[in-house]
Amino acid sequence: MMNIFKSIAFVVLLLSLTNETVASLHEIQKSCLKSNNLCYQTASQLLSVYQENIRNEIHRKTKGYRLPSAPFALLHGYRTRHSVLLIHGLNDSAYFLKDVAQVLFEQGINVVTILLPGHGRTLRDIEEVSYQHWLSHMRWGLEITAMVGENLSVGGFSTGGLLATVAALESNTIKNLFLFAPALDFSGPANLGPRLALLTCLEAAKKITYKSDIPENPVKYALRSANALCQLDLLLRDTYLRLGYDFLKTTTKDFMTHLAARIKIPVFTVLTSDDRWINPESIFHFIKSLRGSQKTIMFSADPKPYRQYENLAQIILSNPTPHSSILLKSDGYIGRINDNFNYVEIGLRLFLEENFL
């Protein structure tokens, strides 16, 4: 009976902490030191409830069609030395993180994924979402992930990469950062770029949708919402403000320099030159300006333009690798994979050996 009361008290304590900002990560980790097992069990139960609720919502809204989008966790059954939260990209889902998650899990790491609000349901959901919802959901994910590992790291693909970067800016408890084609600078449809993408935030434009080159599938919206791009744009502008800079008055190069100066933890990055959404040149400037440990892998069908970055990155000659397939070792839905995903696996393992001490 006493153990039951202890468990209830511990859950109440942790739930009260998860109502705070990411500053509570430190308190969560301190609390977990008192009882690693109880902390892990509590997080595991909370994750199970979260995943079931999301799956029920997906089933209700899509008649089960988008269930492959559902968030998942790969857990070892105990609180591991390291844990990683992975965050998916714009218009897609946790499905795109499955292969990276497996690599991390095989290295003894507990891995948690989330499904960002507006994703994996219906197009109407993403037409009504705000980037503030994404930030809140990310913070909750960080708090839960901190409960299943002694050392917390975070990673993300595309928009998820930008969110992961924000997390690293917000909390000094995060140990490592994984960036997969991060949306620190983006082009968007018709090469709008972030400085023109705010046009998608006009009230008359927010309900506009446009067709992507992705076939209809259950893991990524084939139709794109203007509001989704609007919210990504607002998130990027908010990130500029966090560093004390005006988005319209600051060059992308200056932003990357200042951002890199604030990131003092090891960074692992994967890029592709065949990216219609992310500007690799800008990301390389960010990487070049980092002061800590970093490892970068760049896929390119034509490596010549990127020879100047050979001291910063491993340039892999590859077939064209689109943005959406950069992390897919296997796929049953969008018809795209990264034929050279093994380089991501090898690079990740080397990075972990060097930085997950």
Protein backbone atom coordinates (compact mmCIF):
# COMPACT_ATOMS: atom_id res chain seq x y z
CA MET A 1 0.00 0.00 0.00
CA MET A 2 2.84 2.39 0.86
CA ASN A 3 4.36 1.84 -2.61
CA ILE A 4 1.04 2.79 -4.20
CA PHE A 5 0.92 6.03 -2.22
CA LYS A 6 4.55 6.76 -3.15
CA SER A 7 3.76 6.21 -6.84
CA ILE A 8 0.72 8.49 -6.68
CA ALA A 9 2.72 11.20 -4.90
CA PHE A 10 5.52 10.92 -7.45
CA VAL A 11 3.09 11.18 -10.38
CA VAL A 12 1.47 14.25 -8.81
CA LEU A 13 4.89 15.84 -8.34
CA LEU A 14 5.98 15.19 -11.91
CA LEU A 15 2.67 16.26 -13.40
CA SER A 16 2.92 19.52 -11.49
CA LEU A 17 6.39 20.01 -12.91
CA THR A 18 5.26 19.31 -16.45
CA ASN A 19 2.89 22.27 -16.23
CA GLU A 20 5.92 24.57 -16.04
CA THR A 21 8.35 25.60 -18.77
CA VAL A 22 11.44 23.72 -19.89
CA ALA A 23 13.16 25.20 -16.82
CA SER A 24 11.46 22.32 -14.96
CA LEU A 25 13.69 19.80 -16.77
CA HIS A 26 16.35 20.29 -14.11
CA GLU A 27 13.84 19.63 -11.32
CA ILE A 28 12.53 16.54 -13.10
CA GLN A 29 16.02 15.11 -13.41
CA LYS A 30 16.75 15.87 -9.74
CA SER A 31 13.52 14.12 -8.71
CA CYS A 32 14.33 11.12 -10.88
CA LEU A 33 17.70 10.68 -9.16
CA LYS A 34 15.78 9.70 -6.02
CA SER A 35 14.05 6.83 -7.81
CA ASN A 36 15.13 5.99 -11.34
CA ASN A 37 12.75 3.06 -11.62
CA LEU A 38 9.69 4.94 -10.36
CA CYS A 39 10.53 7.87 -12.65
CA TYR A 40 10.80 5.56 -15.66
CA GLN A 41 7.59 3.69 -14.84
CA THR A 42 5.69 6.95 -14.44
CA ALA A 43 6.94 8.25 -17.80
CA SER A 44 6.19 4.94 -19.48
CA GLN A 45 2.59 5.07 -18.24
CA LEU A 46 2.17 8.70 -19.30
CA LEU A 47 3.53 7.85 -22.75
CA SER A 48 1.14 4.92 -23.09
CA VAL A 49 -1.82 7.16 -22.27
CA TYR A 50 -0.57 9.86 -24.66
CA GLN A 51 -0.05 7.40 -27.52
CA GLU A 52 -3.44 5.77 -26.98
CA ASN A 53 -5.19 9.15 -26.94
CA ILE A 54 -3.48 10.21 -30.17
CA ARG A 55 -4.30 6.92 -31.87
CA ASN A 56 -7.94 7.20 -30.79
CA GLU A 57 -8.10 10.75 -32.16
CA ILE A 58 -6.53 9.68 -35.46
CA HIS A 59 -8.95 6.78 -35.71
CA ARG A 60 -11.91 9.03 -35.03
CA LYS A 61 -10.89 11.73 -37.51
CA THR A 62 -9.55 9.57 -40.34
CA LYS A 63 -11.29 6.22 -39.73
CA GLY A 64 -7.88 4.76 -38.98
CA TYR A 65 -6.33 5.80 -42.30
CA ARG A 66 -3.55 7.86 -40.72
CA LEU A 67 -2.67 5.50 -37.87
CA PRO A 68 0.84 4.93 -39.36
CA SER A 69 1.46 8.60 -38.42
CA ALA A 70 1.06 7.87 -34.70
CA PRO A 71 3.87 8.70 -32.26
CA PHE A 72 5.92 5.88 -30.76
CA ALA A 73 8.64 5.26 -28.22
CA LEU A 74 11.46 2.72 -28.28
CA LEU A 75 12.21 1.94 -24.63
CA HIS A 76 14.54 -0.56 -23.00
CA GLY A 77 12.34 -1.12 -19.96
CA TYR A 78 14.43 0.99 -17.61
CA ARG A 79 15.86 4.51 -17.30
CA THR A 80 18.88 4.52 -19.60
CA ARG A 81 21.94 6.71 -19.33
CA HIS A 82 20.80 8.69 -22.39
CA SER A 83 17.42 9.50 -23.90
CA VAL A 84 16.52 11.37 -27.10
CA LEU A 85 13.35 13.19 -28.14
CA LEU A 86 12.85 13.19 -31.93
CA ILE A 87 10.52 15.74 -33.59
CA HIS A 88 9.11 15.32 -37.10
CA GLY A 89 8.80 17.90 -39.87
CA LEU A 90 6.07 20.06 -41.38
CA ASN A 91 3.08 18.19 -42.85
CA ASP A 92 4.50 14.79 -41.95
CA SER A 93 4.64 12.56 -38.87
CA ALA A 94 6.68 10.44 -36.49
CA TYR A 95 6.80 7.78 -39.22
CA PHE A 96 9.72 9.62 -40.85
CA LEU A 97 11.81 9.18 -37.70
CA LYS A 98 11.44 5.40 -37.38
CA ASP A 99 14.81 4.46 -38.91
CA VAL A 100 16.85 7.06 -37.02
CA ALA A 101 15.04 6.08 -33.81
CA GLN A 102 15.99 2.45 -34.39
CA VAL A 103 19.68 3.32 -34.81
CA LEU A 104 19.66 5.27 -31.53
CA PHE A 105 17.73 2.54 -29.73
CA GLU A 106 20.24 -0.10 -30.83
CA GLN A 107 22.94 1.96 -29.12
CA GLY A 108 21.18 1.58 -25.77
CA ILE A 109 19.24 4.85 -25.87
CA ASN A 110 15.58 5.34 -24.95
CA VAL A 111 13.88 7.20 -27.81
CA VAL A 112 10.61 9.15 -27.69
CA THR A 113 8.69 10.69 -30.59
CA ILE A 114 5.69 13.01 -30.56
CA LEU A 115 3.03 13.98 -33.10
CA LEU A 116 2.85 17.75 -33.42
CA PRO A 117 -0.61 19.37 -33.21
CA GLY A 118 -2.26 19.64 -36.62
CA HIS A 119 -0.38 16.66 -38.02
CA GLY A 120 -1.47 13.10 -38.74
CA ARG A 121 -5.15 14.01 -38.64
CA THR A 122 -6.99 16.13 -41.22
CA LEU A 123 -6.01 19.13 -43.30
CA ARG A 124 -8.46 21.23 -41.31
CA ASP A 125 -6.41 20.56 -38.16
CA ILE A 126 -3.27 22.06 -39.66
CA GLU A 127 -5.24 25.01 -41.05
CA GLU A 128 -6.09 25.96 -37.46
CA VAL A 129 -2.82 25.18 -35.68
CA SER A 130 -0.40 27.70 -34.16
CA TYR A 131 3.36 27.31 -33.77
CA GLN A 132 2.81 28.00 -30.08
CA HIS A 133 0.97 24.67 -29.94
CA TRP A 134 4.07 23.00 -31.40
CA LEU A 135 6.32 24.63 -28.79
CA SER A 136 4.08 23.52 -25.92
CA HIS A 137 3.95 19.97 -27.27
CA MET A 138 7.73 19.91 -27.72
CA ARG A 139 8.25 21.01 -24.11
CA TRP A 140 5.96 18.28 -22.84
CA GLY A 141 7.89 15.76 -24.94
CA LEU A 142 11.18 16.96 -23.48
CA GLU A 143 9.90 16.59 -19.94
CA ILE A 144 8.71 13.03 -20.55
CA THR A 145 11.94 12.11 -22.35
CA ALA A 146 13.98 13.48 -19.43
CA MET A 147 12.19 10.97 -17.21
CA VAL A 148 13.35 7.95 -19.23
CA GLY A 149 17.04 8.91 -19.50
CA GLU A 150 19.65 10.46 -17.23
CA ASN A 151 21.06 12.67 -20.00
CA LEU A 152 18.61 14.34 -22.38
CA SER A 153 19.26 15.06 -26.06
CA VAL A 154 16.90 16.31 -28.76
CA GLY A 155 16.72 16.03 -32.53
CA GLY A 156 14.41 16.94 -35.34
CA PHE A 157 13.77 16.76 -39.05
CA SER A 158 13.06 19.99 -41.00
CA THR A 159 10.61 22.02 -38.87
CA GLY A 160 11.37 19.55 -36.09
CA GLY A 161 15.03 20.56 -36.43
CA LEU A 162 14.10 24.19 -35.83
CA LEU A 163 12.03 23.17 -32.80
CA ALA A 164 14.93 21.09 -31.49
CA THR A 165 17.21 24.11 -31.87
CA VAL A 166 14.75 26.24 -29.89
CA ALA A 167 14.79 23.57 -27.17
CA ALA A 168 18.59 23.78 -27.01
CA LEU A 169 18.33 27.57 -26.69
CA GLU A 170 15.76 27.29 -23.91
CA SER A 171 17.42 24.69 -21.70
CA ASN A 172 21.01 24.05 -20.63
CA THR A 173 20.10 20.51 -19.57
CA ILE A 174 20.14 19.27 -23.18
CA LYS A 175 23.39 17.45 -23.97
CA ASN A 176 23.36 16.92 -27.75
CA LEU A 177 21.49 18.22 -30.80
CA PHE A 178 20.54 16.19 -33.90
CA LEU A 179 19.56 18.24 -36.96
CA PHE A 180 18.20 16.53 -40.06
CA ALA A 181 17.73 19.07 -42.89
CA PRO A 182 16.76 21.66 -40.25
CA ALA A 183 14.47 24.53 -41.26
CA LEU A 184 16.82 27.22 -39.95
CA ASP A 185 16.48 28.81 -43.38
CA PHE A 186 13.97 27.61 -45.94
CA SER A 187 12.79 28.22 -49.49
CA GLY A 188 9.23 26.89 -49.50
CA PRO A 189 6.88 26.77 -52.49
CA ALA A 190 7.84 28.92 -55.47
CA ASN A 191 11.09 29.68 -53.61
CA LEU A 192 9.28 32.22 -51.47
CA GLY A 193 11.88 32.07 -48.73
CA PRO A 194 11.14 33.04 -45.14
CA ARG A 195 11.05 36.77 -45.84
CA LEU A 196 8.14 36.42 -48.27
CA ALA A 197 6.49 33.43 -46.60
CA LEU A 198 4.69 35.79 -44.22
CA LEU A 199 2.29 36.39 -47.13
CA THR A 200 0.82 33.01 -46.24
CA CYS A 201 -0.26 34.50 -42.89
CA LEU A 202 -2.69 36.91 -44.53
CA GLU A 203 -6.21 35.99 -43.45
CA ALA A 204 -7.28 35.54 -47.07
CA ALA A 205 -4.41 33.11 -47.67
CA LYS A 206 -4.45 30.93 -44.56
CA LYS A 207 -7.07 28.51 -45.91
CA ILE A 208 -5.28 28.10 -49.24
CA THR A 209 -3.99 24.61 -50.05
CA TYR A 210 -1.67 23.47 -52.81
CA LYS A 211 -0.63 20.07 -54.16
CA SER A 212 2.77 18.68 -53.33
CA ASP A 213 4.73 16.14 -55.38
CA ILE A 214 4.00 13.47 -52.76
CA PRO A 215 1.28 10.91 -53.63
CA GLU A 216 -1.71 10.52 -51.34
CA ASN A 217 -0.55 8.55 -48.30
CA PRO A 218 -1.29 8.09 -44.58
CA VAL A 219 1.96 9.53 -43.16
CA LYS A 220 2.32 12.95 -44.83
CA TYR A 221 -0.22 15.46 -46.13
CA ALA A 222 -0.21 15.40 -49.94
CA LEU A 223 -2.10 18.70 -49.92
CA ARG A 224 -0.21 21.52 -48.21
CA SER A 225 -1.79 24.26 -46.13
CA ALA A 226 -0.66 27.88 -46.40
CA ASN A 227 -1.18 28.17 -42.65
CA ALA A 228 1.42 25.46 -42.03
CA LEU A 229 4.03 27.53 -43.88
CA CYS A 230 2.81 30.64 -42.06
CA GLN A 231 3.37 28.99 -38.67
CA LEU A 232 6.85 27.81 -39.68
CA ASP A 233 7.65 31.36 -40.73
CA LEU A 234 6.38 32.74 -37.41
CA LEU A 235 8.41 30.15 -35.51
CA LEU A 236 11.57 31.20 -37.35
CA ARG A 237 10.84 34.88 -36.66
CA ASP A 238 10.31 34.03 -33.00
CA THR A 239 13.70 32.32 -32.97
CA TYR A 240 15.34 35.48 -34.32
CA LEU A 241 13.71 37.44 -31.48
CA ARG A 242 15.03 34.96 -28.91
CA LEU A 243 18.52 35.96 -30.02
CA GLY A 244 17.60 39.64 -29.87
CA TYR A 245 17.46 40.22 -33.62
CA ASP A 246 14.85 41.68 -35.94
CA PHE A 247 14.00 39.16 -38.65
CA LEU A 248 13.64 41.78 -41.38
CA LYS A 249 16.78 43.70 -40.42
CA THR A 250 19.14 40.76 -39.92
CA THR A 251 20.83 38.85 -42.72
CA THR A 252 20.55 35.07 -42.73
CA LYS A 253 24.34 34.84 -42.47
CA ASP A 254 24.41 36.99 -39.33
CA PHE A 255 21.57 35.00 -37.81
CA MET A 256 23.41 31.71 -38.40
CA THR A 257 26.57 33.13 -36.82
CA HIS A 258 24.76 34.34 -33.70
CA LEU A 259 22.69 31.18 -33.44
CA ALA A 260 25.79 28.98 -33.61
CA ALA A 261 27.42 31.05 -30.86
CA ARG A 262 24.52 30.17 -28.55
CA ILE A 263 24.67 26.43 -29.25
CA LYS A 264 27.43 25.10 -27.03
CA ILE A 265 26.63 21.38 -27.24
CA PRO A 266 27.68 18.74 -29.82
CA VAL A 267 25.66 18.87 -33.05
CA PHE A 268 25.03 16.10 -35.60
CA THR A 269 23.67 17.27 -38.96
CA VAL A 270 22.42 15.56 -42.13
CA LEU A 271 21.80 17.56 -45.32
CA THR A 272 21.01 16.94 -48.97
CA SER A 273 21.81 19.16 -51.93
CA ASP A 274 18.59 17.99 -53.61
CA ASP A 275 16.51 19.95 -51.13
CA ARG A 276 13.73 22.20 -52.42
CA TRP A 277 12.87 23.39 -48.91
CA ILE A 278 16.08 23.95 -46.98
CA ASN A 279 19.04 26.09 -48.05
CA PRO A 280 22.16 23.94 -47.44
CA GLU A 281 24.50 26.92 -47.90
CA SER A 282 22.92 28.70 -44.92
CA ILE A 283 23.10 25.59 -42.77
CA PHE A 284 26.78 25.19 -43.64
CA HIS A 285 27.41 28.71 -42.40
CA PHE A 286 25.75 27.74 -39.13
CA ILE A 287 27.90 24.59 -38.92
CA LYS A 288 31.07 26.54 -39.72
CA SER A 289 30.29 28.96 -36.89
CA LEU A 290 29.74 26.27 -34.24
CA ARG A 291 32.32 26.31 -31.48
CA GLY A 292 31.77 22.81 -30.14
CA SER A 293 31.96 19.28 -31.48
CA GLN A 294 30.04 18.64 -34.69
CA LYS A 295 29.63 15.98 -37.35
CA THR A 296 27.89 16.58 -40.69
CA ILE A 297 26.86 14.31 -43.54
CA MET A 298 25.92 15.81 -46.90
CA PHE A 299 24.29 13.83 -49.71
CA SER A 300 24.76 15.20 -53.22
CA ALA A 301 24.43 13.91 -56.78
CA ASP A 302 27.01 16.57 -57.71
CA PRO A 303 29.51 17.09 -54.87
CA LYS A 304 31.64 19.66 -56.73
CA PRO A 305 29.81 22.78 -55.44
CA TYR A 306 30.32 21.54 -51.88
CA ARG A 307 34.03 20.71 -52.00
CA GLN A 308 34.67 23.87 -49.99
CA TYR A 309 32.93 22.23 -47.04
CA GLU A 310 34.95 19.01 -47.03
CA ASN A 311 36.69 20.10 -43.83
CA LEU A 312 33.25 20.45 -42.19
CA ALA A 313 31.30 17.55 -43.66
CA GLN A 314 31.48 14.11 -45.16
CA ILE A 315 30.23 14.67 -48.72
CA ILE A 316 28.49 11.54 -50.03
CA LEU A 317 28.08 11.06 -53.78
CA SER A 318 24.53 9.77 -54.10
CA ASN A 319 21.49 9.51 -56.28
CA PRO A 320 19.21 12.56 -55.92
CA THR A 321 17.96 12.47 -52.33
CA PRO A 322 14.87 14.65 -51.86
CA HIS A 323 14.13 16.40 -48.59
CA SER A 324 11.32 14.01 -47.65
CA SER A 325 13.41 10.84 -48.01
CA ILE A 326 16.63 11.86 -46.29
CA LEU A 327 15.85 9.75 -43.19
CA LEU A 328 14.03 6.83 -44.79
CA LYS A 329 15.91 3.54 -44.94
CA SER A 330 12.69 1.79 -45.90
CA ASP A 331 9.28 3.03 -46.93
CA GLY A 332 5.88 1.66 -47.77
CA TYR A 333 3.95 4.87 -48.33
CA ILE A 334 5.58 7.71 -50.31
CA GLY A 335 7.77 5.67 -52.65
CA ARG A 336 11.05 7.29 -51.65
CA ILE A 337 14.05 6.13 -49.65
CA ASN A 338 17.61 7.23 -49.05
CA ASP A 339 19.73 4.62 -50.86
CA ASN A 340 22.70 5.69 -48.74
CA PHE A 341 21.04 5.71 -45.33
CA ASN A 342 23.88 3.47 -44.09
CA TYR A 343 26.06 6.60 -44.01
CA VAL A 344 23.58 8.17 -41.59
CA GLU A 345 23.79 5.04 -39.43
CA ILE A 346 27.59 5.01 -39.43
CA GLY A 347 27.80 8.74 -38.79
CA LEU A 348 25.35 8.54 -35.91
CA ARG A 349 27.27 5.71 -34.27
CA LEU A 350 30.56 7.61 -34.55
CA PHE A 351 28.95 10.74 -33.13
CA LEU A 352 27.51 8.76 -30.22
CA GLU A 353 30.89 7.16 -29.49
CA GLU A 354 32.52 10.58 -29.35
CA ASN A 355 29.87 12.48 -27.39
CA PHE A 356 27.68 10.08 -25.39
CA LEU A 357 30.29 9.39 -22.71
